[in-house]
Amino acid sequence: MLDRFPVVRANLMREMSAHMTAPLTRQEPADLVGITLYTVSRTLSQWETEGILQSQQRQLLIREPSRLIALATES
C-alpha cells in the first residue's frame, strides 16, 4: 500500500519516528481497504502492543517506521 504513497514512504524511512494527526475515523480506512472496523482496531492494537506505533485520539506516533514499511510490503 505504501507503494502508492512514495512521499510518505520516503519520509518514514528517513525518520526514526513520525507523528501524524489522522483526519480519519477507524471506519474510514476500513472502508478504503475493504476490511471491517474490528480488523482495523485489532491490527492497530496489535501494532501498539508490538511497539510499532502508538495511537491516541486520532493521532498516531509511528515508533518503528521500518517495521511498518516491512509489514506493508510483505507478500
PDB file of N, CA and C in Angstrom:
ATOM      1  N   MET A   1       0.814  -1.187   0.000  1.00  0.00           N
ATOM      2  CA  MET A   1       0.000   0.000   0.000  1.00  0.00           C
ATOM      3  C   MET A   1       0.866   1.262   0.000  1.00  0.00           C
ATOM      4  N   LEU A   2       1.992   1.236   0.696  1.00  0.00           N
ATOM      5  CA  LEU A   2       2.859   2.417   0.725  1.00  0.00           C
ATOM      6  C   LEU A   2       3.465   2.712  -0.639  1.00  0.00           C
ATOM      7  N   ASP A   3       3.460   1.736  -1.543  1.00  0.00           N
ATOM      8  CA  ASP A   3       3.962   1.989  -2.887  1.00  0.00           C
ATOM      9  C   ASP A   3       3.136   3.059  -3.585  1.00  0.00           C
ATOM     10  N   ARG A   4       1.893   3.208  -3.180  1.00  0.00           N
ATOM     11  CA  ARG A   4       1.025   4.239  -3.750  1.00  0.00           C
ATOM     12  C   ARG A   4       1.337   5.624  -3.205  1.00  0.00           C
ATOM     13  N   PHE A   5       2.074   5.686  -2.108  1.00  0.00           N
ATOM     14  CA  PHE A   5       2.383   6.945  -1.453  1.00  0.00           C
ATOM     15  C   PHE A   5       3.889   7.082  -1.260  1.00  0.00           C
ATOM     16  N   PRO A   6       4.642   7.276  -2.340  1.00  0.00           N
ATOM     17  CA  PRO A   6       6.107   7.282  -2.237  1.00  0.00           C
ATOM     18  C   PRO A   6       6.657   8.372  -1.329  1.00  0.00           C
ATOM     19  N   VAL A   7       5.992   9.511  -1.253  1.00  0.00           N
ATOM     20  CA  VAL A   7       6.474  10.593  -0.388  1.00  0.00           C
ATOM     21  C   VAL A   7       6.363  10.174   1.071  1.00  0.00           C
ATOM     22  N   VAL A   8       5.252   9.556   1.437  1.00  0.00           N
ATOM     23  CA  VAL A   8       5.067   9.081   2.811  1.00  0.00           C
ATOM     24  C   VAL A   8       6.117   8.026   3.122  1.00  0.00           C
ATOM     25  N   ARG A   9       6.325   7.109   2.204  1.00  0.00           N
ATOM     26  CA  ARG A   9       7.310   6.054   2.421  1.00  0.00           C
ATOM     27  C   ARG A   9       8.705   6.645   2.605  1.00  0.00           C
ATOM     28  N   ALA A  10       9.079   7.574   1.751  1.00  0.00           N
ATOM     29  CA  ALA A  10      10.403   8.189   1.854  1.00  0.00           C
ATOM     30  C   ALA A  10      10.561   8.919   3.178  1.00  0.00           C
ATOM     31  N   ASN A  11       9.541   9.637   3.596  1.00  0.00           N
ATOM     32  CA  ASN A  11       9.607  10.354   4.877  1.00  0.00           C
ATOM     33  C   ASN A  11       9.714   9.386   6.042  1.00  0.00           C
ATOM     34  N   LEU A  12       8.965   8.305   6.008  1.00  0.00           N
ATOM     35  CA  LEU A  12       9.028   7.322   7.086  1.00  0.00           C
ATOM     36  C   LEU A  12      10.396   6.671   7.159  1.00  0.00           C
ATOM     37  N   MET A  13      10.960   6.365   6.026  1.00  0.00           N
ATOM     38  CA  MET A  13      12.267   5.708   6.018  1.00  0.00           C
ATOM     39  C   MET A  13      13.354   6.637   6.525  1.00  0.00           C
ATOM     40  N   ARG A  14      13.201   7.937   6.325  1.00  0.00           N
ATOM     41  CA  ARG A  14      14.191   8.911   6.750  1.00  0.00           C
ATOM     42  C   ARG A  14      14.129   9.174   8.249  1.00  0.00           C
ATOM     43  N   GLU A  15      12.957   9.074   8.818  1.00  0.00           N
ATOM     44  CA  GLU A  15      12.747   9.453  10.208  1.00  0.00           C
ATOM     45  C   GLU A  15      12.884   8.254  11.135  1.00  0.00           C
ATOM     46  N   MET A  16      13.297   8.512  12.358  1.00  0.00           N
ATOM     47  CA  MET A  16      13.323   7.472  13.381  1.00  0.00           C
ATOM     48  C   MET A  16      11.903   7.193  13.874  1.00  0.00           C
ATOM     49  N   SER A  17      11.072   8.230  13.888  1.00  0.00           N
ATOM     50  CA  SER A  17       9.657   8.077  14.201  1.00  0.00           C
ATOM     51  C   SER A  17       8.919   9.190  13.492  1.00  0.00           C
ATOM     52  N   ALA A  18       7.632   9.019  13.352  1.00  0.00           N
ATOM     53  CA  ALA A  18       6.823  10.026  12.672  1.00  0.00           C
ATOM     54  C   ALA A  18       5.546  10.238  13.477  1.00  0.00           C
ATOM     55  N   HIS A  19       5.177  11.478  13.645  1.00  0.00           N
ATOM     56  CA  HIS A  19       3.957  11.813  14.361  1.00  0.00           C
ATOM     57  C   HIS A  19       2.997  12.404  13.356  1.00  0.00           C
ATOM     58  N   MET A  20       1.778  11.904  13.335  1.00  0.00           N
ATOM     59  CA  MET A  20       0.814  12.419  12.384  1.00  0.00           C
ATOM     60  C   MET A  20      -0.576  12.456  12.984  1.00  0.00           C
ATOM     61  N   THR A  21      -1.325  13.466  12.615  1.00  0.00           N
ATOM     62  CA  THR A  21      -2.716  13.540  13.003  1.00  0.00           C
ATOM     63  C   THR A  21      -3.514  12.873  11.896  1.00  0.00           C
ATOM     64  N   ALA A  22      -4.308  11.902  12.269  1.00  0.00           N
ATOM     65  CA  ALA A  22      -5.099  11.166  11.285  1.00  0.00           C
ATOM     66  C   ALA A  22      -6.495  11.777  11.208  1.00  0.00           C
ATOM     67  N   PRO A  23      -6.815  12.423  10.085  1.00  0.00           N
ATOM     68  CA  PRO A  23      -8.124  13.048   9.968  1.00  0.00           C
ATOM     69  C   PRO A  23      -9.227  12.044   9.668  1.00  0.00           C
ATOM     70  N   LEU A  24      -8.955  10.759   9.873  1.00  0.00           N
ATOM     71  CA  LEU A  24      -9.920   9.713   9.574  1.00  0.00           C
ATOM     72  C   LEU A  24     -10.368   8.991  10.841  1.00  0.00           C
ATOM     73  N   THR A  25     -11.594   8.560  10.839  1.00  0.00           N
ATOM     74  CA  THR A  25     -12.047   7.647  11.880  1.00  0.00           C
ATOM     75  C   THR A  25     -11.502   6.265  11.536  1.00  0.00           C
ATOM     76  N   ARG A  26     -11.606   5.315  12.422  1.00  0.00           N
ATOM     77  CA  ARG A  26     -11.125   3.959  12.117  1.00  0.00           C
ATOM     78  C   ARG A  26     -12.005   3.294  11.063  1.00  0.00           C
ATOM     79  N   GLN A  27     -13.254   3.724  10.969  1.00  0.00           N
ATOM     80  CA  GLN A  27     -14.147   3.148   9.964  1.00  0.00           C
ATOM     81  C   GLN A  27     -13.721   3.533   8.556  1.00  0.00           C
ATOM     82  N   GLU A  28     -13.211   4.748   8.381  1.00  0.00           N
ATOM     83  CA  GLU A  28     -12.849   5.215   7.038  1.00  0.00           C
ATOM     84  C   GLU A  28     -11.716   4.405   6.399  1.00  0.00           C
ATOM     85  N   PRO A  29     -10.595   4.139   7.094  1.00  0.00           N
ATOM     86  CA  PRO A  29      -9.593   3.281   6.452  1.00  0.00           C
ATOM     87  C   PRO A  29     -10.110   1.858   6.232  1.00  0.00           C
ATOM     88  N   ALA A  30     -10.974   1.386   7.115  1.00  0.00           N
ATOM     89  CA  ALA A  30     -11.564   0.060   6.924  1.00  0.00           C
ATOM     90  C   ALA A  30     -12.337   0.025   5.605  1.00  0.00           C
ATOM     91  N   ASP A  31     -13.125   1.066   5.366  1.00  0.00           N
ATOM     92  CA  ASP A  31     -13.880   1.154   4.121  1.00  0.00           C
ATOM     93  C   ASP A  31     -12.958   1.278   2.915  1.00  0.00           C
ATOM     94  N   LEU A  32     -11.860   2.027   3.059  1.00  0.00           N
ATOM     95  CA  LEU A  32     -10.927   2.233   1.942  1.00  0.00           C
ATOM     96  C   LEU A  32     -10.278   0.942   1.472  1.00  0.00           C
ATOM     97  N   VAL A  33      -9.941   0.066   2.410  1.00  0.00           N
ATOM     98  CA  VAL A  33      -9.245  -1.169   2.025  1.00  0.00           C
ATOM     99  C   VAL A  33     -10.142  -2.401   2.063  1.00  0.00           C
ATOM    100  N   GLY A  34     -11.420  -2.201   2.367  1.00  0.00           N
ATOM    101  CA  GLY A  34     -12.367  -3.305   2.303  1.00  0.00           C
ATOM    102  C   GLY A  34     -12.275  -4.298   3.444  1.00  0.00           C
ATOM    103  N   ILE A  35     -11.981  -3.804   4.649  1.00  0.00           N
ATOM    104  CA  ILE A  35     -11.947  -4.673   5.825  1.00  0.00           C
ATOM    105  C   ILE A  35     -12.913  -4.111   6.872  1.00  0.00           C
ATOM    106  N   THR A  36     -13.080  -4.829   7.948  1.00  0.00           N
ATOM    107  CA  THR A  36     -14.016  -4.388   8.979  1.00  0.00           C
ATOM    108  C   THR A  36     -13.353  -3.441   9.972  1.00  0.00           C
ATOM    109  N   LEU A  37     -14.174  -2.678  10.641  1.00  0.00           N
ATOM    110  CA  LEU A  37     -13.699  -1.798  11.708  1.00  0.00           C
ATOM    111  C   LEU A  37     -12.991  -2.626  12.777  1.00  0.00           C
ATOM    112  N   TYR A  38     -13.526  -3.799  13.066  1.00  0.00           N
ATOM    113  CA  TYR A  38     -12.918  -4.693  14.043  1.00  0.00           C
ATOM    114  C   TYR A  38     -11.479  -5.033  13.651  1.00  0.00           C
ATOM    115  N   THR A  39     -11.247  -5.314  12.367  1.00  0.00           N
ATOM    116  CA  THR A  39      -9.904  -5.668  11.903  1.00  0.00           C
ATOM    117  C   THR A  39      -8.949  -4.494  12.045  1.00  0.00           C
ATOM    118  N   VAL A  40      -9.413  -3.292  11.717  1.00  0.00           N
ATOM    119  CA  VAL A  40      -8.577  -2.096  11.881  1.00  0.00           C
ATOM    120  C   VAL A  40      -8.206  -1.924  13.348  1.00  0.00           C
ATOM    121  N   SER A  41      -9.187  -1.996  14.226  1.00  0.00           N
ATOM    122  CA  SER A  41      -8.936  -1.814  15.663  1.00  0.00           C
ATOM    123  C   SER A  41      -7.997  -2.886  16.200  1.00  0.00           C
ATOM    124  N   ARG A  42      -8.220  -4.124  15.799  1.00  0.00           N
ATOM    125  CA  ARG A  42      -7.380  -5.231  16.266  1.00  0.00           C
ATOM    126  C   ARG A  42      -5.948  -5.077  15.776  1.00  0.00           C
ATOM    127  N   THR A  43      -5.788  -4.681  14.520  1.00  0.00           N
ATOM    128  CA  THR A  43      -4.452  -4.512  13.947  1.00  0.00           C
ATOM    129  C   THR A  43      -3.712  -3.370  14.624  1.00  0.00           C
ATOM    130  N   LEU A  44      -4.376  -2.222  14.803  1.00  0.00           N
ATOM    131  CA  LEU A  44      -3.727  -1.096  15.484  1.00  0.00           C
ATOM    132  C   LEU A  44      -3.345  -1.470  16.914  1.00  0.00           C
ATOM    133  N   SER A  45      -4.223  -2.190  17.598  1.00  0.00           N
ATOM    134  CA  SER A  45      -3.910  -2.637  18.970  1.00  0.00           C
ATOM    135  C   SER A  45      -2.710  -3.568  18.987  1.00  0.00           C
ATOM    136  N   GLN A  46      -2.650  -4.471  18.018  1.00  0.00           N
ATOM    137  CA  GLN A  46      -1.512  -5.396  17.932  1.00  0.00           C
ATOM    138  C   GLN A  46      -0.222  -4.620  17.677  1.00  0.00           C
ATOM    139  N   TRP A  47      -0.270  -3.660  16.773  1.00  0.00           N
ATOM    140  CA  TRP A  47       0.926  -2.870  16.472  1.00  0.00           C
ATOM    141  C   TRP A  47       1.343  -2.026  17.666  1.00  0.00           C
ATOM    142  N   GLU A  48       0.378  -1.567  18.455  1.00  0.00           N
ATOM    143  CA  GLU A  48       0.726  -0.833  19.679  1.00  0.00           C
ATOM    144  C   GLU A  48       1.428  -1.764  20.664  1.00  0.00           C
ATOM    145  N   THR A  49       0.892  -2.958  20.842  1.00  0.00           N
ATOM    146  CA  THR A  49       1.487  -3.941  21.744  1.00  0.00           C
ATOM    147  C   THR A  49       2.915  -4.284  21.316  1.00  0.00           C
ATOM    148  N   GLU A  50       3.135  -4.364  20.005  1.00  0.00           N
ATOM    149  CA  GLU A  50       4.462  -4.702  19.473  1.00  0.00           C
ATOM    150  C   GLU A  50       5.401  -3.498  19.448  1.00  0.00           C
ATOM    151  N   GLY A  51       4.903  -2.310  19.805  1.00  0.00           N
ATOM    152  CA  GLY A  51       5.741  -1.121  19.854  1.00  0.00           C
ATOM    153  C   GLY A  51       5.969  -0.441  18.514  1.00  0.00           C
ATOM    154  N   ILE A  52       5.200  -0.835  17.499  1.00  0.00           N
ATOM    155  CA  ILE A  52       5.360  -0.253  16.174  1.00  0.00           C
ATOM    156  C   ILE A  52       4.781   1.159  16.138  1.00  0.00           C
ATOM    157  N   LEU A  53       3.645   1.344  16.787  1.00  0.00           N
ATOM    158  CA  LEU A  53       3.031   2.664  16.819  1.00  0.00           C
ATOM    159  C   LEU A  53       2.289   2.876  18.124  1.00  0.00           C
ATOM    160  N   GLN A  54       1.896   4.111  18.318  1.00  0.00           N
ATOM    161  CA  GLN A  54       1.095   4.496  19.475  1.00  0.00           C
ATOM    162  C   GLN A  54      -0.028   5.371  18.946  1.00  0.00           C
ATOM    163  N   SER A  55      -1.256   5.079  19.335  1.00  0.00           N
ATOM    164  CA  SER A  55      -2.373   5.893  18.868  1.00  0.00           C
ATOM    165  C   SER A  55      -3.146   6.442  20.058  1.00  0.00           C
ATOM    166  N   GLN A  56      -3.650   7.643  19.848  1.00  0.00           N
ATOM    167  CA  GLN A  56      -4.455   8.279  20.886  1.00  0.00           C
ATOM    168  C   GLN A  56      -5.223   9.434  20.251  1.00  0.00           C
ATOM    169  N   GLN A  57      -6.529   9.404  20.344  1.00  0.00           N
ATOM    170  CA  GLN A  57      -7.393  10.486  19.888  1.00  0.00           C
ATOM    171  C   GLN A  57      -7.045  10.990  18.496  1.00  0.00           C
ATOM    172  N   ARG A  58      -7.123  10.098  17.517  1.00  0.00           N
ATOM    173  CA  ARG A  58      -6.878  10.426  16.104  1.00  0.00           C
ATOM    174  C   ARG A  58      -5.445  10.875  15.814  1.00  0.00           C
ATOM    175  N   GLN A  59      -4.525  10.562  16.673  1.00  0.00           N
ATOM    176  CA  GLN A  59      -3.124  10.866  16.419  1.00  0.00           C
ATOM    177  C   GLN A  59      -2.325   9.569  16.470  1.00  0.00           C
ATOM    178  N   LEU A  60      -1.382   9.465  15.565  1.00  0.00           N
ATOM    179  CA  LEU A  60      -0.526   8.289  15.512  1.00  0.00           C
ATOM    180  C   LEU A  60       0.921   8.707  15.670  1.00  0.00           C
ATOM    181  N   LEU A  61       1.624   7.988  16.494  1.00  0.00           N
ATOM    182  CA  LEU A  61       3.067   8.125  16.588  1.00  0.00           C
ATOM    183  C   LEU A  61       3.641   6.819  16.070  1.00  0.00           C
ATOM    184  N   ILE A  62       4.291   6.881  14.935  1.00  0.00           N
ATOM    185  CA  ILE A  62       4.898   5.683  14.359  1.00  0.00           C
ATOM    186  C   ILE A  62       6.292   5.572  14.943  1.00  0.00           C
ATOM    187  N   ARG A  63       6.455   4.612  15.837  1.00  0.00           N
ATOM    188  CA  ARG A  63       7.704   4.461  16.575  1.00  0.00           C
ATOM    189  C   ARG A  63       8.764   3.714  15.775  1.00  0.00           C
ATOM    190  N   GLU A  64       8.343   2.788  14.939  1.00  0.00           N
ATOM    191  CA  GLU A  64       9.290   1.990  14.155  1.00  0.00           C
ATOM    192  C   GLU A  64       8.854   1.962  12.691  1.00  0.00           C
ATOM    193  N   PRO A  65       9.136   3.054  11.971  1.00  0.00           N
ATOM    194  CA  PRO A  65       8.705   3.138  10.575  1.00  0.00           C
ATOM    195  C   PRO A  65       9.195   1.978   9.705  1.00  0.00           C
ATOM    196  N   SER A  66      10.400   1.512   9.930  1.00  0.00           N
ATOM    197  CA  SER A  66      10.929   0.435   9.086  1.00  0.00           C
ATOM    198  C   SER A  66      10.111  -0.845   9.248  1.00  0.00           C
ATOM    199  N   ARG A  67       9.647  -1.129  10.459  1.00  0.00           N
ATOM    200  CA  ARG A  67       8.812  -2.325  10.669  1.00  0.00           C
ATOM    201  C   ARG A  67       7.447  -2.156  10.013  1.00  0.00           C
ATOM    202  N   LEU A  68       6.898  -0.950  10.068  1.00  0.00           N
ATOM    203  CA  LEU A  68       5.610  -0.692   9.435  1.00  0.00           C
ATOM    204  C   LEU A  68       5.730  -0.829   7.915  1.00  0.00           C
ATOM    205  N   ILE A  69       6.810  -0.323   7.350  1.00  0.00           N
ATOM    206  CA  ILE A  69       7.048  -0.444   5.915  1.00  0.00           C
ATOM    207  C   ILE A  69       7.199  -1.919   5.537  1.00  0.00           C
ATOM    208  N   ALA A  70       7.921  -2.676   6.340  1.00  0.00           N
ATOM    209  CA  ALA A  70       8.109  -4.104   6.069  1.00  0.00           C
ATOM    210  C   ALA A  70       6.761  -4.820   6.073  1.00  0.00           C
ATOM    211  N   LEU A  71       5.896  -4.490   7.020  1.00  0.00           N
ATOM    212  CA  LEU A  71       4.568  -5.105   7.050  1.00  0.00           C
ATOM    213  C   LEU A  71       3.748  -4.727   5.830  1.00  0.00           C
ATOM    214  N   ALA A  72       3.852  -3.489   5.394  1.00  0.00           N
ATOM    215  CA  ALA A  72       3.063  -3.008   4.257  1.00  0.00           C
ATOM    216  C   ALA A  72       3.528  -3.607   2.937  1.00  0.00           C
ATOM    217  N   THR A  73       4.780  -4.011   2.873  1.00  0.00           N
ATOM    218  CA  THR A  73       5.314  -4.515   1.603  1.00  0.00           C
ATOM    219  C   THR A  73       5.447  -6.036   1.577  1.00  0.00           C
ATOM    220  N   GLU A  74       5.010  -6.715   2.630  1.00  0.00           N
ATOM    221  CA  GLU A  74       5.055  -8.179   2.647  1.00  0.00           C
ATOM    222  C   GLU A  74       4.114  -8.740   1.585  1.00  0.00           C
ATOM    223  N   SER A  75       4.496  -9.866   1.017  1.00  0.00           N
ATOM    224  CA  SER A  75       3.650 -10.521   0.023  1.00  0.00           C
ATOM    225  C   SER A  75       2.612 -11.369   0.707  1.00  0.00           C
TER     226      SER A  75
END
